[in-house]
């Protein structure tokens, strides 16, 4: 169920952004990537683990950097970041012990991230959004 909800929610959010036009702004997908990456920090706080928050902060900082570079240079970096975060969800529990992460989260986030990456890749390949910064 987590997989289906993640994919459906990503498609719904992305399609809504396209229909309304808010994804025409280059900041939409970088912001989405930053928010997605920050959830693990929230879970560390909810789990009351300073060690997890410290480790999660390093990963969050890396995704924030990639989001900023993607915004400034080329949105294809955001496709890679979203897809990469999905892969990170697969291995997260083996890398960082975070007691606040819900059991269902990795599966949900994995499918959300990869679906959002695929949607953005489709937008870029169809030239609906310019990949390169003006």
N, C-alpha and C. Protein backbone atom coordinates (compact mmCIF):
# COMPACT_ATOMS: atom_id res chain seq x y z
N UNK A 1 0.82 -1.20 0.00
CA UNK A 1 0.00 0.00 0.00
C UNK A 1 0.86 1.27 0.00
N UNK A 2 1.99 1.22 0.73
CA UNK A 2 2.87 2.39 0.80
C UNK A 2 3.38 2.78 -0.59
N UNK A 3 3.69 1.76 -1.40
CA UNK A 3 4.20 2.01 -2.75
C UNK A 3 3.14 2.71 -3.61
N UNK A 4 1.93 2.21 -3.56
CA UNK A 4 0.85 2.78 -4.37
C UNK A 4 0.55 4.22 -3.94
N UNK A 5 0.51 4.45 -2.65
CA UNK A 5 0.22 5.80 -2.15
C UNK A 5 1.34 6.76 -2.54
N UNK A 6 2.59 6.33 -2.42
CA UNK A 6 3.72 7.18 -2.79
C UNK A 6 3.67 7.58 -4.25
N UNK A 7 3.43 6.62 -5.12
CA UNK A 7 3.37 6.90 -6.56
C UNK A 7 2.18 7.78 -6.90
N UNK A 8 1.03 7.46 -6.35
CA UNK A 8 -0.18 8.24 -6.63
C UNK A 8 -0.04 9.68 -6.13
N UNK A 9 0.51 9.85 -4.94
CA UNK A 9 0.68 11.19 -4.39
C UNK A 9 1.68 12.01 -5.22
N UNK A 10 2.78 11.38 -5.63
CA UNK A 10 3.76 12.09 -6.45
C UNK A 10 3.16 12.53 -7.78
N UNK A 11 2.41 11.63 -8.41
CA UNK A 11 1.76 11.99 -9.67
C UNK A 11 0.73 13.09 -9.48
N UNK A 12 -0.02 13.01 -8.39
CA UNK A 12 -1.04 14.03 -8.12
C UNK A 12 -0.41 15.39 -7.88
N UNK A 13 0.60 15.45 -7.02
CA UNK A 13 1.27 16.72 -6.72
C UNK A 13 1.92 17.28 -7.98
N UNK A 14 2.63 16.44 -8.72
CA UNK A 14 3.32 16.90 -9.93
C UNK A 14 2.34 17.36 -11.01
N UNK A 15 1.30 16.58 -11.24
CA UNK A 15 0.30 16.97 -12.24
C UNK A 15 -0.40 18.25 -11.83
N UNK A 16 -0.73 18.39 -10.57
CA UNK A 16 -1.36 19.62 -10.07
C UNK A 16 -0.44 20.81 -10.31
N UNK A 17 0.86 20.64 -10.02
CA UNK A 17 1.82 21.73 -10.24
C UNK A 17 1.88 22.12 -11.71
N UNK A 18 1.78 21.14 -12.60
CA UNK A 18 1.79 21.42 -14.03
C UNK A 18 0.50 22.11 -14.47
N UNK A 19 -0.62 21.59 -14.02
CA UNK A 19 -1.92 22.16 -14.41
C UNK A 19 -2.04 23.60 -13.94
N UNK A 20 -1.65 23.87 -12.71
CA UNK A 20 -1.75 25.21 -12.14
C UNK A 20 -0.65 26.11 -12.70
N UNK A 21 0.46 25.51 -13.07
CA UNK A 21 1.56 26.27 -13.64
C UNK A 21 2.67 26.62 -12.66
N UNK A 22 2.59 26.13 -11.43
CA UNK A 22 3.63 26.51 -10.47
C UNK A 22 4.95 25.78 -10.70
N UNK A 23 4.94 24.74 -11.52
CA UNK A 23 6.22 24.07 -11.82
C UNK A 23 6.96 24.74 -12.97
N UNK A 24 6.38 25.79 -13.54
CA UNK A 24 7.10 26.56 -14.56
C UNK A 24 8.22 27.36 -13.93
N UNK A 25 8.06 27.66 -12.65
CA UNK A 25 9.12 28.34 -11.92
C UNK A 25 10.21 27.33 -11.61
N UNK A 26 11.44 27.65 -11.94
CA UNK A 26 12.56 26.73 -11.75
C UNK A 26 12.74 26.33 -10.29
N UNK A 27 12.16 27.05 -9.37
CA UNK A 27 12.36 26.77 -7.95
C UNK A 27 11.49 25.62 -7.43
N UNK A 28 10.48 25.21 -8.19
CA UNK A 28 9.55 24.21 -7.66
C UNK A 28 10.23 22.88 -7.32
N UNK A 29 10.90 22.27 -8.27
CA UNK A 29 11.50 20.95 -8.01
C UNK A 29 12.72 21.02 -7.07
N UNK A 30 13.54 22.08 -7.12
CA UNK A 30 14.58 22.19 -6.10
C UNK A 30 13.99 22.30 -4.69
N UNK A 31 12.93 23.07 -4.55
CA UNK A 31 12.28 23.20 -3.24
C UNK A 31 11.69 21.86 -2.80
N UNK A 32 11.05 21.17 -3.72
CA UNK A 32 10.50 19.85 -3.41
C UNK A 32 11.60 18.91 -2.92
N UNK A 33 12.75 18.93 -3.58
CA UNK A 33 13.87 18.07 -3.20
C UNK A 33 14.37 18.40 -1.80
N UNK A 34 14.46 19.68 -1.48
CA UNK A 34 14.91 20.09 -0.14
C UNK A 34 13.92 19.62 0.92
N UNK A 35 12.64 19.78 0.65
CA UNK A 35 11.62 19.34 1.61
C UNK A 35 11.67 17.83 1.80
N UNK A 36 11.78 17.10 0.71
CA UNK A 36 11.85 15.64 0.78
C UNK A 36 13.04 15.21 1.64
N UNK A 37 14.20 15.82 1.40
CA UNK A 37 15.40 15.45 2.15
C UNK A 37 15.28 15.79 3.63
N UNK A 38 14.54 16.84 3.95
CA UNK A 38 14.46 17.30 5.35
C UNK A 38 13.60 16.41 6.24
N UNK A 39 12.76 15.58 5.66
CA UNK A 39 11.90 14.73 6.49
C UNK A 39 12.68 13.82 7.44
N UNK A 40 13.82 13.30 6.99
CA UNK A 40 14.58 12.43 7.87
C UNK A 40 15.10 13.19 9.09
N UNK A 41 15.39 14.48 8.93
CA UNK A 41 15.77 15.31 10.08
C UNK A 41 14.60 15.45 11.04
N UNK A 42 13.42 15.65 10.51
CA UNK A 42 12.21 15.72 11.34
C UNK A 42 12.02 14.42 12.12
N UNK A 43 12.22 13.30 11.45
CA UNK A 43 12.06 12.02 12.12
C UNK A 43 13.09 11.84 13.23
N UNK A 44 14.31 12.34 13.02
CA UNK A 44 15.34 12.25 14.05
C UNK A 44 14.93 13.06 15.28
N UNK A 45 14.35 14.23 15.04
CA UNK A 45 13.87 15.05 16.16
C UNK A 45 12.72 14.34 16.88
N UNK A 46 11.79 13.80 16.13
CA UNK A 46 10.67 13.07 16.73
C UNK A 46 11.16 11.85 17.52
N UNK A 47 12.22 11.21 17.03
CA UNK A 47 12.78 10.05 17.72
C UNK A 47 13.69 10.43 18.88
N UNK A 48 13.96 11.73 19.03
CA UNK A 48 14.78 12.20 20.14
C UNK A 48 16.24 11.78 20.05
N UNK A 49 16.77 11.64 18.84
CA UNK A 49 18.15 11.18 18.68
C UNK A 49 19.03 12.28 18.08
N UNK A 50 19.92 12.81 18.91
CA UNK A 50 20.87 13.82 18.44
C UNK A 50 21.84 13.19 17.43
N UNK A 51 22.26 11.95 17.70
CA UNK A 51 23.18 11.27 16.78
C UNK A 51 22.54 11.11 15.40
N UNK A 52 21.26 10.71 15.37
CA UNK A 52 20.56 10.57 14.09
C UNK A 52 20.41 11.92 13.42
N UNK A 53 20.08 12.96 14.19
CA UNK A 53 19.91 14.29 13.62
C UNK A 53 21.22 14.79 13.01
N UNK A 54 22.32 14.51 13.67
CA UNK A 54 23.63 14.91 13.14
C UNK A 54 23.91 14.21 11.82
N UNK A 55 23.71 12.90 11.79
CA UNK A 55 23.95 12.13 10.56
C UNK A 55 22.98 12.55 9.46
N UNK A 56 21.72 12.73 9.81
CA UNK A 56 20.72 13.14 8.81
C UNK A 56 21.06 14.52 8.26
N UNK A 57 21.58 15.40 9.10
CA UNK A 57 21.91 16.76 8.67
C UNK A 57 22.98 16.77 7.59
N UNK A 58 23.92 15.85 7.67
CA UNK A 58 24.95 15.76 6.64
C UNK A 58 24.32 15.38 5.30
N UNK A 59 23.43 14.41 5.34
CA UNK A 59 22.75 13.98 4.11
C UNK A 59 21.85 15.08 3.58
N UNK A 60 21.12 15.72 4.48
CA UNK A 60 20.24 16.83 4.07
C UNK A 60 21.06 17.92 3.39
N UNK A 61 22.20 18.27 3.98
CA UNK A 61 23.06 19.31 3.40
C UNK A 61 23.50 18.94 1.99
N UNK A 62 23.80 17.67 1.76
CA UNK A 62 24.21 17.23 0.42
C UNK A 62 23.07 17.42 -0.58
N UNK A 63 21.84 17.07 -0.18
CA UNK A 63 20.71 17.24 -1.09
C UNK A 63 20.36 18.71 -1.30
N UNK A 64 20.54 19.54 -0.27
CA UNK A 64 20.32 20.98 -0.43
C UNK A 64 21.33 21.55 -1.43
N UNK A 65 22.57 21.12 -1.34
CA UNK A 65 23.61 21.57 -2.28
C UNK A 65 23.26 21.15 -3.71
N UNK A 66 22.86 19.90 -3.89
CA UNK A 66 22.49 19.44 -5.23
C UNK A 66 21.27 20.20 -5.76
N UNK A 67 20.31 20.47 -4.87
CA UNK A 67 19.13 21.22 -5.28
C UNK A 67 19.52 22.63 -5.73
N UNK A 68 20.42 23.27 -5.00
CA UNK A 68 20.86 24.61 -5.35
C UNK A 68 21.62 24.60 -6.68
N UNK A 69 22.50 23.62 -6.85
CA UNK A 69 23.24 23.51 -8.11
C UNK A 69 22.30 23.21 -9.28
N UNK A 70 21.33 22.36 -9.05
CA UNK A 70 20.35 22.06 -10.10
C UNK A 70 19.56 23.29 -10.49
N UNK A 71 19.18 24.08 -9.52
CA UNK A 71 18.44 25.31 -9.77
C UNK A 71 19.29 26.29 -10.58
N UNK A 72 20.54 26.42 -10.18
CA UNK A 72 21.44 27.39 -10.83
C UNK A 72 21.97 26.93 -12.18
N UNK A 73 22.13 25.61 -12.34
CA UNK A 73 22.79 25.10 -13.54
C UNK A 73 21.88 24.34 -14.48
N UNK A 74 21.28 23.24 -13.98
CA UNK A 74 20.54 22.36 -14.87
C UNK A 74 19.59 21.48 -14.05
N UNK A 75 18.32 21.51 -14.39
CA UNK A 75 17.32 20.75 -13.63
C UNK A 75 17.47 19.23 -13.75
N UNK A 76 18.29 18.76 -14.70
CA UNK A 76 18.54 17.32 -14.76
C UNK A 76 19.24 16.85 -13.49
N UNK A 77 19.95 17.74 -12.82
CA UNK A 77 20.55 17.39 -11.52
C UNK A 77 19.46 17.05 -10.49
N UNK A 78 18.31 17.69 -10.63
CA UNK A 78 17.19 17.40 -9.72
C UNK A 78 16.58 16.04 -10.00
N UNK A 79 16.55 15.65 -11.27
CA UNK A 79 16.10 14.30 -11.61
C UNK A 79 17.00 13.29 -10.91
N UNK A 80 18.31 13.51 -11.02
CA UNK A 80 19.28 12.61 -10.37
C UNK A 80 19.14 12.65 -8.86
N UNK A 81 18.92 13.84 -8.30
CA UNK A 81 18.78 13.96 -6.84
C UNK A 81 17.54 13.24 -6.33
N UNK A 82 16.42 13.44 -7.00
CA UNK A 82 15.19 12.76 -6.58
C UNK A 82 15.32 11.25 -6.71
N UNK A 83 15.86 10.81 -7.83
CA UNK A 83 16.08 9.37 -8.02
C UNK A 83 17.06 8.84 -6.97
N UNK A 84 18.13 9.60 -6.75
CA UNK A 84 19.13 9.21 -5.74
C UNK A 84 18.55 9.14 -4.35
N UNK A 85 17.64 10.04 -4.03
CA UNK A 85 17.01 9.99 -2.71
C UNK A 85 16.14 8.75 -2.59
N UNK A 86 15.51 8.35 -3.69
CA UNK A 86 14.75 7.11 -3.67
C UNK A 86 15.64 5.91 -3.35
N UNK A 87 16.82 5.87 -3.97
CA UNK A 87 17.77 4.80 -3.67
C UNK A 87 18.25 4.90 -2.23
N UNK A 88 18.47 6.12 -1.77
CA UNK A 88 18.87 6.34 -0.38
C UNK A 88 17.82 5.75 0.58
N UNK A 89 16.55 5.90 0.23
CA UNK A 89 15.48 5.33 1.06
C UNK A 89 15.64 3.82 1.22
N UNK A 90 16.13 3.16 0.17
CA UNK A 90 16.33 1.71 0.22
C UNK A 90 17.39 1.31 1.25
N UNK A 91 18.42 2.12 1.38
CA UNK A 91 19.56 1.75 2.23
C UNK A 91 19.64 2.56 3.52
N UNK A 92 18.75 3.51 3.70
CA UNK A 92 18.81 4.42 4.84
C UNK A 92 18.98 3.71 6.17
N UNK A 93 18.16 2.72 6.43
CA UNK A 93 18.19 2.02 7.73
C UNK A 93 19.53 1.32 7.97
N UNK A 94 20.24 0.98 6.91
CA UNK A 94 21.54 0.34 7.05
C UNK A 94 22.66 1.36 7.30
N UNK A 95 22.39 2.62 6.98
CA UNK A 95 23.40 3.67 7.10
C UNK A 95 23.22 4.53 8.36
N UNK A 96 21.96 4.83 8.68
CA UNK A 96 21.66 5.72 9.80
C UNK A 96 20.58 5.10 10.66
N UNK A 97 20.87 4.98 11.94
CA UNK A 97 19.87 4.48 12.89
C UNK A 97 19.04 5.66 13.37
N UNK A 98 17.82 5.75 12.87
CA UNK A 98 16.94 6.88 13.20
C UNK A 98 15.64 6.31 13.77
N UNK A 99 15.47 6.38 15.09
CA UNK A 99 14.30 5.76 15.72
C UNK A 99 12.97 6.42 15.38
N UNK A 100 13.00 7.60 14.80
CA UNK A 100 11.75 8.30 14.49
C UNK A 100 11.15 7.97 13.14
N UNK A 101 11.89 7.23 12.30
CA UNK A 101 11.39 6.92 10.96
C UNK A 101 10.27 5.88 11.05
N UNK A 102 9.07 6.23 10.56
CA UNK A 102 7.98 5.25 10.57
C UNK A 102 8.35 4.04 9.70
N UNK A 103 7.85 2.89 10.08
CA UNK A 103 8.17 1.65 9.38
C UNK A 103 7.82 1.71 7.89
N UNK A 104 6.73 2.37 7.56
CA UNK A 104 6.25 2.43 6.18
C UNK A 104 6.94 3.51 5.35
N UNK A 105 7.66 4.44 5.99
CA UNK A 105 8.22 5.60 5.29
C UNK A 105 9.16 5.25 4.13
N UNK A 106 10.15 4.38 4.32
CA UNK A 106 11.09 4.13 3.22
C UNK A 106 10.41 3.68 1.93
N UNK A 107 9.41 2.82 2.02
CA UNK A 107 8.71 2.35 0.82
C UNK A 107 7.90 3.47 0.18
N UNK A 108 7.23 4.25 1.01
CA UNK A 108 6.45 5.39 0.51
C UNK A 108 7.37 6.41 -0.16
N UNK A 109 8.43 6.80 0.53
CA UNK A 109 9.32 7.83 0.02
C UNK A 109 10.06 7.36 -1.23
N UNK A 110 10.45 6.11 -1.24
CA UNK A 110 11.11 5.54 -2.43
C UNK A 110 10.26 5.74 -3.67
N UNK A 111 8.99 5.36 -3.59
CA UNK A 111 8.14 5.47 -4.78
C UNK A 111 7.78 6.92 -5.08
N UNK A 112 7.61 7.73 -4.03
CA UNK A 112 7.35 9.15 -4.28
C UNK A 112 8.52 9.76 -5.05
N UNK A 113 9.73 9.55 -4.52
CA UNK A 113 10.93 10.16 -5.11
C UNK A 113 11.14 9.72 -6.55
N UNK A 114 11.06 8.43 -6.82
CA UNK A 114 11.33 7.92 -8.16
C UNK A 114 10.22 8.35 -9.13
N UNK A 115 8.99 8.39 -8.67
CA UNK A 115 7.89 8.86 -9.52
C UNK A 115 8.06 10.34 -9.83
N UNK A 116 8.41 11.14 -8.82
CA UNK A 116 8.63 12.58 -9.05
C UNK A 116 9.81 12.80 -9.99
N UNK A 117 10.86 11.99 -9.85
CA UNK A 117 12.02 12.09 -10.74
C UNK A 117 11.60 11.77 -12.18
N UNK A 118 10.82 10.73 -12.34
CA UNK A 118 10.36 10.34 -13.69
C UNK A 118 9.47 11.42 -14.29
N UNK A 119 8.61 12.01 -13.49
CA UNK A 119 7.73 13.07 -13.98
C UNK A 119 8.55 14.28 -14.42
N UNK A 120 9.52 14.68 -13.59
CA UNK A 120 10.37 15.81 -13.96
C UNK A 120 11.17 15.49 -15.21
N UNK A 121 11.69 14.28 -15.32
CA UNK A 121 12.42 13.87 -16.52
C UNK A 121 11.52 13.98 -17.76
N UNK A 122 10.27 13.58 -17.61
CA UNK A 122 9.32 13.69 -18.72
C UNK A 122 9.11 15.15 -19.09
N UNK A 123 8.91 16.02 -18.08
CA UNK A 123 8.73 17.45 -18.36
C UNK A 123 9.93 18.02 -19.11
N UNK A 124 11.12 17.67 -18.65
CA UNK A 124 12.34 18.19 -19.28
C UNK A 124 12.51 17.65 -20.70
N UNK A 125 12.23 16.37 -20.88
CA UNK A 125 12.39 15.76 -22.21
C UNK A 125 11.37 16.30 -23.21
N UNK A 126 10.24 16.76 -22.72
CA UNK A 126 9.20 17.35 -23.58
C UNK A 126 9.37 18.86 -23.73
N UNK A 127 10.42 19.40 -23.11
CA UNK A 127 10.71 20.84 -23.13
C UNK A 127 9.58 21.68 -22.54
N UNK A 128 8.86 21.10 -21.61
CA UNK A 128 7.81 21.85 -20.92
C UNK A 128 8.41 22.79 -19.88
N UNK A 129 9.61 22.42 -19.43
CA UNK A 129 10.40 23.25 -18.52
C UNK A 129 11.81 23.26 -19.10
N UNK A 130 12.45 24.40 -19.06
CA UNK A 130 13.82 24.49 -19.54
C UNK A 130 14.76 23.91 -18.49
N UNK A 131 15.61 23.00 -18.93
CA UNK A 131 16.55 22.35 -18.01
C UNK A 131 17.63 23.32 -17.55
N UNK A 132 18.09 24.17 -18.44
CA UNK A 132 19.19 25.07 -18.13
C UNK A 132 18.68 26.41 -17.61
N UNK A 133 19.41 26.96 -16.68
CA UNK A 133 19.08 28.26 -16.13
C UNK A 133 19.28 29.33 -17.20
N UNK A 134 18.43 30.35 -17.18
CA UNK A 134 18.56 31.42 -18.19
C UNK A 134 19.84 32.23 -17.97
